[in-house]
Amino acid sequence: MVFIDLKKKNFDSVRKNGLWNYLEEENGVVGRMMNAITNLYEVRINKVRNGYKNEKWFEMRAGVEQWSVLSPLLFISYLNKVIKNFKAEWNILV
């Protein structure tokens, strides 16, 4: 039995290049659908609102958005890849 400690910043820790490769190779997501997903997540401009006038926009390049309905599915897909790799490395049969 394996326990995985999922922290608050899980969505921020997803390596997008690995996720895109996994979606393409293992799940068959290609073409316009793949372009739509990658364009949605590649470079995002965000702003933290704190009530002061010095709020600045910043660029986020890592992780997947937490606001998107698609993000939990992408995260689960990424986690599935991690689990498959772990099983293969440790020769775990299920």
C-alpha atoms as a PDB file:
ATOM      1  CA  MET A   1       0.000   0.000   0.000  1.00  0.00           C
ATOM      2  CA  VAL A   2       1.309   3.449  -0.900  1.00  0.00           C
ATOM      3  CA  PHE A   3       0.176   6.770   0.490  1.00  0.00           C
ATOM      4  CA  ILE A   4       0.676   9.965  -1.470  1.00  0.00           C
ATOM      5  CA  ASP A   5       0.770  13.219   0.465  1.00  0.00           C
ATOM      6  CA  LEU A   6      -1.104  15.759  -1.651  1.00  0.00           C
ATOM      7  CA  LYS A   7      -0.246  19.305  -0.650  1.00  0.00           C
ATOM      8  CA  LYS A   8      -2.129  22.523  -1.329  1.00  0.00           C
ATOM      9  CA  LYS A   9       0.120  23.399  -4.251  1.00  0.00           C
ATOM     10  CA  ASN A  10      -0.460  20.223  -6.248  1.00  0.00           C
ATOM     11  CA  PHE A  11      -1.881  22.018  -9.251  1.00  0.00           C
ATOM     12  CA  ASP A  12       1.160  24.313  -9.272  1.00  0.00           C
ATOM     13  CA  SER A  13       3.619  21.410  -9.361  1.00  0.00           C
ATOM     14  CA  VAL A  14       2.430  19.746 -12.573  1.00  0.00           C
ATOM     15  CA  ARG A  15       5.137  19.661 -15.248  1.00  0.00           C
ATOM     16  CA  LYS A  16       3.170  20.731 -18.293  1.00  0.00           C
ATOM     17  CA  ASN A  17       5.513  19.301 -20.930  1.00  0.00           C
ATOM     18  CA  GLY A  18       5.228  15.887 -19.330  1.00  0.00           C
ATOM     19  CA  LEU A  19       1.461  16.256 -19.116  1.00  0.00           C
ATOM     20  CA  TRP A  20       1.148  17.258 -22.788  1.00  0.00           C
ATOM     21  CA  ASN A  21       3.279  14.286 -23.856  1.00  0.00           C
ATOM     22  CA  TYR A  22       1.206  11.938 -21.710  1.00  0.00           C
ATOM     23  CA  LEU A  23      -2.082  13.266 -23.087  1.00  0.00           C
ATOM     24  CA  GLU A  24      -0.810  12.860 -26.624  1.00  0.00           C
ATOM     25  CA  GLU A  25       0.933   9.488 -26.363  1.00  0.00           C
ATOM     26  CA  GLU A  26      -1.183   7.618 -23.820  1.00  0.00           C
ATOM     27  CA  ASN A  27      -4.614   9.196 -24.271  1.00  0.00           C
ATOM     28  CA  GLY A  28      -4.592  10.070 -27.975  1.00  0.00           C
ATOM     29  CA  VAL A  29      -5.327  13.781 -27.512  1.00  0.00           C
ATOM     30  CA  VAL A  30      -4.057  15.393 -30.730  1.00  0.00           C
ATOM     31  CA  GLY A  31      -4.789  18.118 -33.243  1.00  0.00           C
ATOM     32  CA  ARG A  32      -7.157  20.934 -32.467  1.00  0.00           C
ATOM     33  CA  MET A  33      -8.130  19.543 -29.069  1.00  0.00           C
ATOM     34  CA  MET A  34      -4.482  19.390 -27.983  1.00  0.00           C
ATOM     35  CA  ASN A  35      -3.876  22.910 -29.312  1.00  0.00           C
ATOM     36  CA  ALA A  36      -6.890  24.229 -27.391  1.00  0.00           C
ATOM     37  CA  ILE A  37      -5.715  22.653 -24.130  1.00  0.00           C
ATOM     38  CA  THR A  38      -2.100  23.790 -24.456  1.00  0.00           C
ATOM     39  CA  ASN A  39      -3.104  27.331 -25.480  1.00  0.00           C
ATOM     40  CA  LEU A  40      -5.343  27.548 -22.426  1.00  0.00           C
ATOM     41  CA  TYR A  41      -2.510  26.634 -20.065  1.00  0.00           C
ATOM     42  CA  GLU A  42       0.799  27.708 -21.634  1.00  0.00           C
ATOM     43  CA  VAL A  43       1.349  31.300 -20.456  1.00  0.00           C
ATOM     44  CA  ARG A  44      -1.077  32.921 -18.093  1.00  0.00           C
ATOM     45  CA  ILE A  45      -1.123  36.448 -16.749  1.00  0.00           C
ATOM     46  CA  ASN A  46      -2.480  36.745 -13.206  1.00  0.00           C
ATOM     47  CA  LYS A  47      -3.018  39.402 -10.615  1.00  0.00           C
ATOM     48  CA  VAL A  48      -3.376  39.049  -6.872  1.00  0.00           C
ATOM     49  CA  ARG A  49      -5.916  41.513  -5.557  1.00  0.00           C
ATOM     50  CA  ASN A  50      -4.998  42.782  -2.139  1.00  0.00           C
ATOM     51  CA  GLY A  51      -6.824  46.117  -2.004  1.00  0.00           C
ATOM     52  CA  TYR A  52      -3.753  48.260  -2.589  1.00  0.00           C
ATOM     53  CA  LYS A  53      -2.906  50.241  -5.709  1.00  0.00           C
ATOM     54  CA  ASN A  54       0.432  48.482  -6.178  1.00  0.00           C
ATOM     55  CA  GLU A  55      -1.192  45.290  -7.454  1.00  0.00           C
ATOM     56  CA  LYS A  56       0.895  43.986 -10.343  1.00  0.00           C
ATOM     57  CA  TRP A  57       0.280  41.483 -13.083  1.00  0.00           C
ATOM     58  CA  PHE A  58       2.644  38.528 -13.178  1.00  0.00           C
ATOM     59  CA  GLU A  59       3.225  35.627 -15.517  1.00  0.00           C
ATOM     60  CA  MET A  60       2.702  32.015 -14.440  1.00  0.00           C
ATOM     61  CA  ARG A  61       4.420  29.306 -16.420  1.00  0.00           C
ATOM     62  CA  ALA A  62       4.123  26.294 -14.094  1.00  0.00           C
ATOM     63  CA  GLY A  63       1.177  24.194 -13.062  1.00  0.00           C
ATOM     64  CA  VAL A  64      -2.427  24.156 -14.195  1.00  0.00           C
ATOM     65  CA  GLU A  65      -5.071  26.723 -13.331  1.00  0.00           C
ATOM     66  CA  GLN A  66      -7.202  26.074 -10.277  1.00  0.00           C
ATOM     67  CA  TRP A  67     -10.197  27.928 -11.688  1.00  0.00           C
ATOM     68  CA  SER A  68     -10.655  25.691 -14.707  1.00  0.00           C
ATOM     69  CA  VAL A  69     -13.061  22.752 -14.774  1.00  0.00           C
ATOM     70  CA  LEU A  70     -10.494  20.914 -16.880  1.00  0.00           C
ATOM     71  CA  SER A  71      -7.675  21.263 -14.318  1.00  0.00           C
ATOM     72  CA  PRO A  72      -8.780  18.476 -11.932  1.00  0.00           C
ATOM     73  CA  LEU A  73      -9.020  16.090 -14.890  1.00  0.00           C
ATOM     74  CA  LEU A  74      -5.574  17.094 -16.104  1.00  0.00           C
ATOM     75  CA  PHE A  75      -4.183  16.704 -12.593  1.00  0.00           C
ATOM     76  CA  ILE A  76      -5.730  13.244 -12.231  1.00  0.00           C
ATOM     77  CA  SER A  77      -4.292  12.276 -15.609  1.00  0.00           C
ATOM     78  CA  TYR A  78      -0.853  13.517 -14.507  1.00  0.00           C
ATOM     79  CA  LEU A  79      -1.141  11.645 -11.205  1.00  0.00           C
ATOM     80  CA  ASN A  80      -2.065   8.500 -13.136  1.00  0.00           C
ATOM     81  CA  LYS A  81       1.167   8.898 -15.129  1.00  0.00           C
ATOM     82  CA  VAL A  82       3.180   9.229 -11.905  1.00  0.00           C
ATOM     83  CA  ILE A  83       1.565   6.096 -10.459  1.00  0.00           C
ATOM     84  CA  LYS A  84       2.202   4.104 -13.666  1.00  0.00           C
ATOM     85  CA  ASN A  85       5.850   5.143 -13.652  1.00  0.00           C
ATOM     86  CA  PHE A  86       6.179   4.211  -9.981  1.00  0.00           C
ATOM     87  CA  LYS A  87       4.654   0.775 -10.585  1.00  0.00           C
ATOM     88  CA  ALA A  88       6.938   0.153 -13.560  1.00  0.00           C
ATOM     89  CA  GLU A  89      10.048   1.228 -11.673  1.00  0.00           C
ATOM     90  CA  TRP A  90       9.280  -0.943  -8.649  1.00  0.00           C
ATOM     91  CA  ASN A  91       7.848  -3.884 -10.664  1.00  0.00           C
ATOM     92  CA  ILE A  92       4.494  -3.691  -8.916  1.00  0.00           C
ATOM     93  CA  LEU A  93       1.780  -5.812 -10.455  1.00  0.00           C
ATOM     94  CA  VAL A  94      -1.876  -5.042  -9.852  1.00  0.00           C
END
